[in-house]
């Protein structure tokens, strides 16, 4: 089986960037050579991780990074998106940990040698625990600590980085971590969710200032995740419920960046739940960015609720991934077109898209045709958005390899490469081979169109 795209698809241009993505805590291991982070603490808390696992070893990427980059190269991708562990590159007093910095410089230099673009994410959820002990993202000072981290690391990396993202999915850090308690640090209060979100966005704005100064030739931006909100029925109440959910979960993170304002829903929050916003904050948050990273996995359906305003509905009989998320590729196109119509956007990169499936490695093969189908339909959805005028310049599969999947531990597999955690053997899945074949087919497409 293979992934096929429409004739003359923009995705088949060699100017389009195809990549794979990972995150530090999910793959690196090497817990003894970095600071303790909030996910180490969360993993050590009973009943927080489904399989009671942790990231101490994960995919042992700290020791296997050279073979992993060789694997990435074998796929034929143009780019590799990965994150920096804040607590690996800085010591507790804020000074440089040279051993940690050298680890990433080794990766960056090897990627450059292999002509693979480095897309670096500065924060993918692994806040050093000592910062959390001082309030974490509830403490405004953390935004300035992040600016200092971004300043020191972008100087240390020099011109090796093709693209910087300040944050990955601030929704997950704030809502899942401080409001719903599903992710580290496991706090549960609406006011905490809103305040931490504001400080995260402030951190983004502050970091953009130093990135544009220290690394003016790289593409600098942010990665946001979106779960499009649909009404269960066409009743006015359900339509309004979906609009409220969209403002709360999606627009809350993008509107301040492009419009220097929060959604009108802010005024409807109880006074004690509203974030403290200082004069000038929204101007900092809304400074220009070079690109917007969009992460998409699924959609959500809502109906009106007298008490909460909106409540999510679990639709029966719809196709779902192994993690229970509905497979609905049309929502991907709808999202991208809607964002393009609502905001004055820079170029978009799809920085994460993929599916957890119940993979089995049998005789050295992983025939994950369900994931392959997911990629087929979602890449087509991206192509449809481009046809409708959305400026999308790249796509990253999530993820390169199976890894520590946060609160799910090692129970869910998103990789296009299978990882046997006991032996650390990597096996390219059928989806990975199809993705590689699609990327390599572009040369043939370009040559034929130049005749």
Protein backbone atom coordinates (compact mmCIF):
# COMPACT_ATOMS: atom_id res chain seq x y z
CA UNK A 1 0.00 0.00 0.00
CA UNK A 2 1.07 3.57 -0.60
CA UNK A 3 0.02 7.15 0.02
CA UNK A 4 -1.17 8.83 -3.16
CA UNK A 5 -1.93 12.49 -3.75
CA UNK A 6 -3.87 14.28 -6.49
CA UNK A 7 -2.00 15.06 -9.69
CA UNK A 8 -0.18 18.42 -9.45
CA UNK A 9 -0.63 18.54 -5.68
CA UNK A 10 1.45 21.25 -3.99
CA UNK A 11 2.59 18.58 -1.55
CA UNK A 12 4.50 16.94 -4.38
CA UNK A 13 6.63 20.04 -4.97
CA UNK A 14 10.20 19.78 -3.72
CA UNK A 15 9.60 23.20 -2.10
CA UNK A 16 7.19 21.56 0.33
CA UNK A 17 8.88 20.39 3.56
CA UNK A 18 8.19 16.88 4.86
CA UNK A 19 9.47 15.90 8.28
CA UNK A 20 9.10 13.81 11.40
CA UNK A 21 8.76 15.03 14.98
CA UNK A 22 9.67 14.00 18.53
CA UNK A 23 9.90 15.58 21.99
CA UNK A 24 12.70 15.46 24.55
CA UNK A 25 11.00 13.86 27.56
CA UNK A 26 9.25 11.32 25.37
CA UNK A 27 12.38 9.82 23.80
CA UNK A 28 15.61 10.92 25.47
CA UNK A 29 15.86 9.13 28.80
CA UNK A 30 19.09 10.17 30.51
CA UNK A 31 17.31 11.29 33.66
CA UNK A 32 20.56 11.41 35.64
CA UNK A 33 22.19 13.99 33.36
CA UNK A 34 19.53 16.69 33.62
CA UNK A 35 17.47 18.49 36.22
CA UNK A 36 14.32 16.84 37.56
CA UNK A 37 11.29 18.14 35.68
CA UNK A 38 7.58 18.24 36.46
CA UNK A 39 7.00 15.06 34.47
CA UNK A 40 9.51 13.14 36.59
CA UNK A 41 7.54 14.20 39.66
CA UNK A 42 4.21 13.45 38.02
CA UNK A 43 5.35 9.98 36.98
CA UNK A 44 6.44 9.27 40.56
CA UNK A 45 2.97 10.19 41.85
CA UNK A 46 0.71 7.12 42.21
CA UNK A 47 -2.15 6.66 39.71
CA UNK A 48 -1.08 9.45 37.35
CA UNK A 49 0.44 7.32 34.54
CA UNK A 50 -1.73 4.47 33.27
CA UNK A 51 1.02 1.86 33.19
CA UNK A 52 2.95 3.39 36.15
CA UNK A 53 5.94 4.03 33.85
CA UNK A 54 8.26 7.02 33.52
CA UNK A 55 10.68 8.73 31.16
CA UNK A 56 13.90 7.59 32.83
CA UNK A 57 14.96 5.57 29.79
CA UNK A 58 12.16 6.08 27.24
CA UNK A 59 13.71 5.38 23.80
CA UNK A 60 17.26 5.91 25.10
CA UNK A 61 17.74 8.58 22.46
CA UNK A 62 20.39 10.23 24.61
CA UNK A 63 22.67 7.30 23.78
CA UNK A 64 21.18 6.20 20.47
CA UNK A 65 20.81 9.60 18.78
CA UNK A 66 23.32 8.88 16.05
CA UNK A 67 21.54 5.73 14.92
CA UNK A 68 18.22 7.57 15.20
CA UNK A 69 19.44 10.34 12.89
CA UNK A 70 20.63 7.68 10.46
CA UNK A 71 17.10 6.25 10.65
CA UNK A 72 15.59 9.68 9.99
CA UNK A 73 17.92 10.08 7.02
CA UNK A 74 16.84 6.71 5.64
CA UNK A 75 13.25 7.96 5.48
CA UNK A 76 14.28 10.73 3.08
CA UNK A 77 12.69 13.54 5.09
CA UNK A 78 13.61 17.20 4.61
CA UNK A 79 13.37 18.18 8.27
CA UNK A 80 13.42 16.90 11.84
CA UNK A 81 11.43 18.62 14.58
CA UNK A 82 12.63 17.97 18.13
CA UNK A 83 12.57 19.76 21.47
CA UNK A 84 15.21 20.92 23.92
CA UNK A 85 14.98 19.81 27.55
CA UNK A 86 15.26 23.06 29.51
CA UNK A 87 16.72 21.18 32.48
CA UNK A 88 19.36 19.47 30.34
CA UNK A 89 20.91 22.66 28.97
CA UNK A 90 20.65 24.93 32.02
CA UNK A 91 21.65 24.29 35.63
CA UNK A 92 19.37 25.20 38.51
CA UNK A 93 21.12 28.57 38.94
CA UNK A 94 20.46 29.37 35.26
CA UNK A 95 24.02 28.80 34.10
CA UNK A 96 24.78 26.78 30.98
CA UNK A 97 25.15 23.00 31.36
CA UNK A 98 27.75 22.55 28.65
CA UNK A 99 27.37 18.76 28.50
CA UNK A 100 23.68 19.16 27.73
CA UNK A 101 24.25 21.91 25.19
CA UNK A 102 26.91 19.80 23.47
CA UNK A 103 24.43 16.91 23.16
CA UNK A 104 22.08 19.07 21.10
CA UNK A 105 24.89 20.73 19.15
CA UNK A 106 26.00 17.24 18.12
CA UNK A 107 22.50 16.54 16.82
CA UNK A 108 22.29 19.90 15.04
CA UNK A 109 25.68 19.46 13.38
CA UNK A 110 24.84 15.94 12.22
CA UNK A 111 21.50 17.11 10.79
CA UNK A 112 23.28 19.90 8.93
CA UNK A 113 25.84 17.43 7.59
CA UNK A 114 22.99 15.30 6.27
CA UNK A 115 21.15 18.33 4.82
CA UNK A 116 18.16 17.91 7.14
CA UNK A 117 16.55 21.12 8.43
CA UNK A 118 16.45 21.43 12.24
CA UNK A 119 13.09 22.59 13.61
CA UNK A 120 13.75 23.21 17.31
CA UNK A 121 11.03 23.54 19.95
CA UNK A 122 12.23 25.27 23.10
CA UNK A 123 9.45 24.06 25.40
CA UNK A 124 7.57 20.78 25.10
CA UNK A 125 6.11 20.62 28.63
CA UNK A 126 9.13 19.52 30.72
CA UNK A 127 9.43 22.47 33.11
CA UNK A 128 12.28 22.06 35.63
CA UNK A 129 10.77 21.07 38.97
CA UNK A 130 12.58 23.79 40.93
CA UNK A 131 10.74 26.39 38.82
CA UNK A 132 7.43 24.65 39.49
CA UNK A 133 8.27 24.75 43.19
CA UNK A 134 8.22 28.55 42.88
CA UNK A 135 4.78 28.50 41.24
CA UNK A 136 5.64 27.29 37.74
CA UNK A 137 3.50 28.84 35.04
CA UNK A 138 1.29 30.42 37.70
CA UNK A 139 4.25 32.65 38.56
CA UNK A 140 4.79 35.55 36.16
CA UNK A 141 8.53 35.32 36.81
CA UNK A 142 8.61 32.00 34.90
CA UNK A 143 7.94 33.87 31.65
CA UNK A 144 11.13 35.87 32.23
CA UNK A 145 13.10 32.76 33.17
CA UNK A 146 11.97 31.32 29.83
CA UNK A 147 13.18 34.43 28.02
CA UNK A 148 16.59 33.98 29.65
CA UNK A 149 16.65 30.29 28.64
CA UNK A 150 15.72 31.15 25.05
CA UNK A 151 18.38 33.86 24.98
CA UNK A 152 21.21 31.63 26.21
CA UNK A 153 20.33 28.61 24.07
CA UNK A 154 19.76 30.50 20.83
CA UNK A 155 23.17 32.12 21.32
CA UNK A 156 24.79 28.76 22.07
CA UNK A 157 23.28 27.12 18.96
CA UNK A 158 24.39 29.93 16.65
CA UNK A 159 23.29 29.50 13.04
CA UNK A 160 22.60 25.76 13.25
CA UNK A 161 18.80 26.01 13.62
CA UNK A 162 16.47 26.39 10.64
CA UNK A 163 13.40 27.15 12.74
CA UNK A 164 12.58 27.85 16.39
CA UNK A 165 9.21 27.31 18.02
CA UNK A 166 8.92 28.94 21.43
CA UNK A 167 6.23 26.65 22.84
CA UNK A 168 4.52 23.43 21.88
CA UNK A 169 0.77 23.37 22.59
CA UNK A 170 0.34 25.87 25.46
CA UNK A 171 -3.22 24.53 25.73
CA UNK A 172 -1.87 21.22 27.01
CA UNK A 173 0.54 22.88 29.43
CA UNK A 174 -2.13 25.16 30.88
CA UNK A 175 -5.48 23.38 30.58
CA UNK A 176 -4.36 19.76 30.98
CA UNK A 177 -1.64 20.61 33.51
CA UNK A 178 -3.14 23.34 35.67
CA UNK A 179 -6.91 23.15 35.12
CA UNK A 180 -7.88 19.54 34.42
CA UNK A 181 -5.00 17.87 36.28
CA UNK A 182 -4.50 15.22 33.59
CA UNK A 183 -0.91 16.28 32.86
CA UNK A 184 1.96 17.52 35.02
CA UNK A 185 1.94 19.28 37.42
CA UNK A 186 -1.55 17.89 38.01
CA UNK A 187 -3.29 20.97 39.43
CA UNK A 188 -7.06 21.39 39.06
CA UNK A 189 -8.54 24.87 39.12
CA UNK A 190 -10.10 26.98 36.38
CA UNK A 191 -8.28 30.11 37.51
CA UNK A 192 -4.98 28.23 37.33
CA UNK A 193 -5.66 27.19 33.75
CA UNK A 194 -6.41 30.71 32.58
CA UNK A 195 -3.50 32.33 34.47
CA UNK A 196 -0.91 29.77 33.35
CA UNK A 197 -2.10 30.18 29.75
CA UNK A 198 -1.47 33.91 29.95
CA UNK A 199 2.00 33.47 31.39
CA UNK A 200 2.85 30.89 28.72
CA UNK A 201 1.79 33.29 25.98
CA UNK A 202 3.75 36.07 27.67
CA UNK A 203 6.78 33.75 27.71
CA UNK A 204 6.30 33.21 23.98
CA UNK A 205 6.31 36.95 23.31
CA UNK A 206 9.38 37.56 25.44
CA UNK A 207 11.25 34.67 23.82
CA UNK A 208 10.36 35.92 20.33
CA UNK A 209 12.19 39.15 21.11
CA UNK A 210 15.47 37.37 21.83
CA UNK A 211 15.06 34.83 19.02
CA UNK A 212 14.61 37.56 16.43
CA UNK A 213 17.70 39.29 17.82
CA UNK A 214 19.95 36.23 18.26
CA UNK A 215 18.72 34.16 15.30
CA UNK A 216 17.29 36.56 12.71
CA UNK A 217 17.80 34.16 9.82
CA UNK A 218 15.76 31.32 11.32
CA UNK A 219 11.98 31.00 11.04
CA UNK A 220 10.71 31.81 14.53
CA UNK A 221 7.17 31.14 15.74
CA UNK A 222 4.93 29.02 17.94
CA UNK A 223 3.14 25.66 17.74
CA UNK A 224 -0.54 25.55 18.69
CA UNK A 225 -2.84 22.53 18.78
CA UNK A 226 -6.43 22.73 17.64
CA UNK A 227 -9.41 20.47 18.20
CA UNK A 228 -12.19 21.92 16.02
CA UNK A 229 -15.52 22.19 17.83
CA UNK A 230 -18.74 21.05 16.16
CA UNK A 231 -22.33 21.36 17.35
CA UNK A 232 -24.21 18.11 18.01
CA UNK A 233 -27.34 19.53 16.38
CA UNK A 234 -28.19 22.66 14.43
CA UNK A 235 -30.10 24.10 17.37
CA UNK A 236 -29.08 27.62 18.37
CA UNK A 237 -28.13 26.35 21.83
CA UNK A 238 -25.77 23.66 20.53
CA UNK A 239 -24.22 26.01 17.97
CA UNK A 240 -23.54 28.52 20.75
CA UNK A 241 -22.13 25.75 22.95
CA UNK A 242 -19.66 24.76 20.22
CA UNK A 243 -18.68 28.43 19.76
CA UNK A 244 -18.00 28.78 23.50
CA UNK A 245 -15.92 25.59 23.53
CA UNK A 246 -13.94 26.79 20.52
CA UNK A 247 -13.18 30.11 22.23
CA UNK A 248 -12.17 28.36 25.45
CA UNK A 249 -9.98 25.60 23.99
CA UNK A 250 -8.74 26.96 20.64
CA UNK A 251 -9.16 30.70 20.10
CA UNK A 252 -7.91 31.46 23.61
CA UNK A 253 -4.36 30.66 22.44
CA UNK A 254 -4.32 32.06 18.92
CA UNK A 255 -6.37 35.26 19.16
CA UNK A 256 -3.93 37.03 21.55
CA UNK A 257 -1.08 36.28 19.12
CA UNK A 258 -2.76 37.73 16.03
CA UNK A 259 -5.38 40.12 17.44
CA UNK A 260 -3.75 41.21 20.73
CA UNK A 261 -6.95 40.24 22.55
CA UNK A 262 -8.59 37.31 24.27
CA UNK A 263 -11.97 36.02 23.07
CA UNK A 264 -15.07 37.81 24.38
CA UNK A 265 -15.56 34.77 26.61
CA UNK A 266 -13.01 36.38 28.96
CA UNK A 267 -15.64 38.84 30.18
CA UNK A 268 -18.06 35.99 30.91
CA UNK A 269 -15.65 34.28 33.31
CA UNK A 270 -16.13 34.75 37.02
CA UNK A 271 -13.83 37.55 38.21
CA UNK A 272 -11.77 35.10 40.27
CA UNK A 273 -11.13 32.97 37.16
CA UNK A 274 -9.85 35.74 34.93
CA UNK A 275 -6.09 35.98 34.40
CA UNK A 276 -4.15 38.95 35.68
CA UNK A 277 -3.06 40.87 32.59
CA UNK A 278 -0.55 43.71 32.88
CA UNK A 279 -0.42 46.75 30.63
CA UNK A 280 1.63 45.93 27.55
CA UNK A 281 1.25 42.15 27.86
CA UNK A 282 -0.91 41.72 24.80
CA UNK A 283 1.42 43.89 22.72
CA UNK A 284 4.29 41.59 23.72
CA UNK A 285 2.28 38.46 22.95
CA UNK A 286 1.11 39.70 19.54
CA UNK A 287 4.40 40.66 17.94
CA UNK A 288 4.93 39.26 14.43
CA UNK A 289 5.93 35.63 13.98
CA UNK A 290 7.54 34.01 10.95
CA UNK A 291 5.36 30.90 10.96
CA UNK A 292 2.50 29.22 12.78
CA UNK A 293 2.81 25.56 13.67
CA UNK A 294 -0.53 23.74 13.64
CA UNK A 295 -1.01 20.39 15.41
CA UNK A 296 -4.16 18.41 14.58
CA UNK A 297 -5.40 14.99 15.60
CA UNK A 298 -9.19 14.97 15.94
CA UNK A 299 -12.35 17.02 16.37
CA UNK A 300 -14.82 17.37 19.28
CA UNK A 301 -18.62 17.56 19.30
CA UNK A 302 -20.52 19.65 21.86
CA UNK A 303 -24.03 20.22 23.08
CA UNK A 304 -25.48 22.88 25.35
CA UNK A 305 -25.35 22.34 29.09
CA UNK A 306 -27.37 24.45 31.54
CA UNK A 307 -24.66 24.39 34.20
CA UNK A 308 -21.38 24.54 32.24
CA UNK A 309 -22.54 26.13 28.99
CA UNK A 310 -21.13 23.31 26.87
CA UNK A 311 -20.34 19.63 27.30
CA UNK A 312 -18.50 17.29 24.94
CA UNK A 313 -20.43 14.38 23.43
CA UNK A 314 -18.85 11.01 22.64
CA UNK A 315 -20.34 9.97 19.32
CA UNK A 316 -21.12 6.24 19.00
CA UNK A 317 -20.27 4.24 15.91
CA UNK A 318 -17.60 6.58 14.48
CA UNK A 319 -14.09 5.44 13.52
CA UNK A 320 -11.56 6.08 16.29
CA UNK A 321 -7.87 5.64 16.92
CA UNK A 322 -6.48 3.43 19.67
CA UNK A 323 -6.47 6.38 22.05
CA UNK A 324 -10.19 6.92 21.41
CA UNK A 325 -10.03 10.01 19.20
CA UNK A 326 -12.48 10.24 16.30
CA UNK A 327 -10.98 10.01 12.82
CA UNK A 328 -12.53 12.91 10.90
CA UNK A 329 -10.14 14.33 8.28
CA UNK A 330 -12.68 16.86 6.94
CA UNK A 331 -12.27 18.70 10.25
CA UNK A 332 -8.60 19.22 9.36
CA UNK A 333 -9.48 21.04 6.15
CA UNK A 334 -12.27 22.97 7.89
CA UNK A 335 -9.84 24.08 10.62
CA UNK A 336 -7.13 25.29 8.26
CA UNK A 337 -9.55 27.18 6.02
CA UNK A 338 -11.27 28.75 9.05
CA UNK A 339 -8.00 29.91 10.60
CA UNK A 340 -6.96 31.39 7.27
CA UNK A 341 -10.24 33.29 6.98
CA UNK A 342 -10.18 34.52 10.59
CA UNK A 343 -6.59 35.70 11.00
CA UNK A 344 -3.85 37.33 8.95
CA UNK A 345 -1.53 34.34 9.12
CA UNK A 346 2.13 33.82 8.29
CA UNK A 347 3.10 30.58 6.51
CA UNK A 348 1.72 27.47 8.24
CA UNK A 349 3.59 24.26 8.99
CA UNK A 350 1.64 21.20 10.09
CA UNK A 351 3.96 20.43 12.98
CA UNK A 352 2.12 17.34 14.25
CA UNK A 353 -0.42 14.98 12.74
CA UNK A 354 -0.76 11.27 13.33
CA UNK A 355 -2.62 8.46 15.05
CA UNK A 356 -2.23 5.97 17.87
CA UNK A 357 -2.96 2.46 16.63
CA UNK A 358 -2.75 -0.97 18.24
CA UNK A 359 0.43 -2.01 16.47
CA UNK A 360 1.95 -5.50 16.55
CA UNK A 361 5.44 -6.36 15.37
CA UNK A 362 5.25 -9.85 13.82
CA UNK A 363 8.32 -11.43 12.24
CA UNK A 364 9.99 -8.05 12.00
CA UNK A 365 7.03 -6.39 10.25
CA UNK A 366 4.43 -3.89 11.43
CA UNK A 367 1.55 -3.74 8.99
CA UNK A 368 -0.20 -0.64 10.38
CA UNK A 369 -2.51 -0.13 7.43
CA UNK A 370 -5.01 1.71 9.65
CA UNK A 371 -2.40 4.41 10.35
CA UNK A 372 -1.41 4.46 6.68
CA UNK A 373 -5.06 5.15 5.83
CA UNK A 374 -5.12 7.94 8.45
CA UNK A 375 -2.12 9.61 6.78
CA UNK A 376 -3.62 9.17 3.33
CA UNK A 377 -6.83 10.96 4.28
CA UNK A 378 -5.19 13.69 6.37
CA UNK A 379 -2.56 14.55 3.79
CA UNK A 380 -5.40 14.81 1.29
CA UNK A 381 -7.15 17.14 3.76
CA UNK A 382 -4.03 19.33 3.86
CA UNK A 383 -3.92 19.37 0.07
CA UNK A 384 -7.60 20.40 -0.03
CA UNK A 385 -6.84 23.32 2.30
CA UNK A 386 -3.98 24.46 0.07
CA UNK A 387 -6.31 24.35 -2.94
CA UNK A 388 -8.63 26.66 -0.96
CA UNK A 389 -5.88 29.21 -0.51
CA UNK A 390 -4.17 28.29 2.76
CA UNK A 391 -0.39 28.86 2.69
CA UNK A 392 0.90 25.56 4.09
CA UNK A 393 4.61 24.98 3.56
CA UNK A 394 5.33 21.76 5.43
CA UNK A 395 4.03 18.68 7.21
CA UNK A 396 5.54 16.68 10.09
CA UNK A 397 4.35 13.20 10.97
CA UNK A 398 3.83 12.56 14.67
CA UNK A 399 5.77 10.80 15.56
CA UNK A 400 9.08 9.48 14.30
CA UNK A 401 8.95 6.59 16.76
CA UNK A 402 6.79 5.08 19.47
CA UNK A 403 7.59 6.76 22.77
CA UNK A 404 6.46 7.74 26.27
CA UNK A 405 2.95 9.02 25.60
CA UNK A 406 2.51 11.20 28.71
CA UNK A 407 -0.37 10.07 30.96
CA UNK A 408 -0.80 6.95 28.78
CA UNK A 409 2.78 5.83 29.45
CA UNK A 410 3.96 3.32 26.85
CA UNK A 411 0.49 1.90 26.14
CA UNK A 412 -0.19 3.97 23.02
CA UNK A 413 1.93 3.94 19.87
CA UNK A 414 1.97 6.93 17.52
CA UNK A 415 5.23 6.20 15.70
CA UNK A 416 5.85 5.44 12.06
CA UNK A 417 8.76 3.47 13.54
CA UNK A 418 8.05 0.68 16.03
CA UNK A 419 10.14 0.60 19.23
CA UNK A 420 10.67 -2.60 21.20
CA UNK A 421 11.29 -0.98 24.57
CA UNK A 422 13.06 -4.01 26.03
CA UNK A 423 15.69 -4.24 23.28
CA UNK A 424 15.39 -0.66 21.92
CA UNK A 425 15.14 -2.15 18.42
CA UNK A 426 13.58 0.20 15.84
CA UNK A 427 11.43 -1.20 13.00
CA UNK A 428 10.01 0.99 10.24
CA UNK A 429 6.27 0.34 9.99
CA UNK A 430 4.28 0.07 6.77
CA UNK A 431 3.10 3.65 7.31
CA UNK A 432 6.69 4.81 7.68
CA UNK A 433 7.70 3.12 4.44
CA UNK A 434 4.70 4.61 2.63
CA UNK A 435 5.52 8.07 4.01
CA UNK A 436 9.12 7.67 2.87
CA UNK A 437 8.02 6.54 -0.59
CA UNK A 438 5.73 9.57 -0.90
CA UNK A 439 8.57 11.94 -0.04
CA UNK A 440 11.00 10.30 -2.44
CA UNK A 441 8.44 10.32 -5.26
CA UNK A 442 8.62 14.13 -5.44
CA UNK A 443 11.83 14.05 -7.47
CA UNK A 444 10.04 11.98 -10.13
CA UNK A 445 7.06 14.36 -10.01
CA UNK A 446 9.27 17.44 -10.40
CA UNK A 447 11.32 15.93 -13.24
CA UNK A 448 8.20 14.97 -15.18
CA UNK A 449 6.75 18.45 -14.78
CA UNK A 450 9.97 20.06 -16.03
CA UNK A 451 9.90 18.19 -19.33
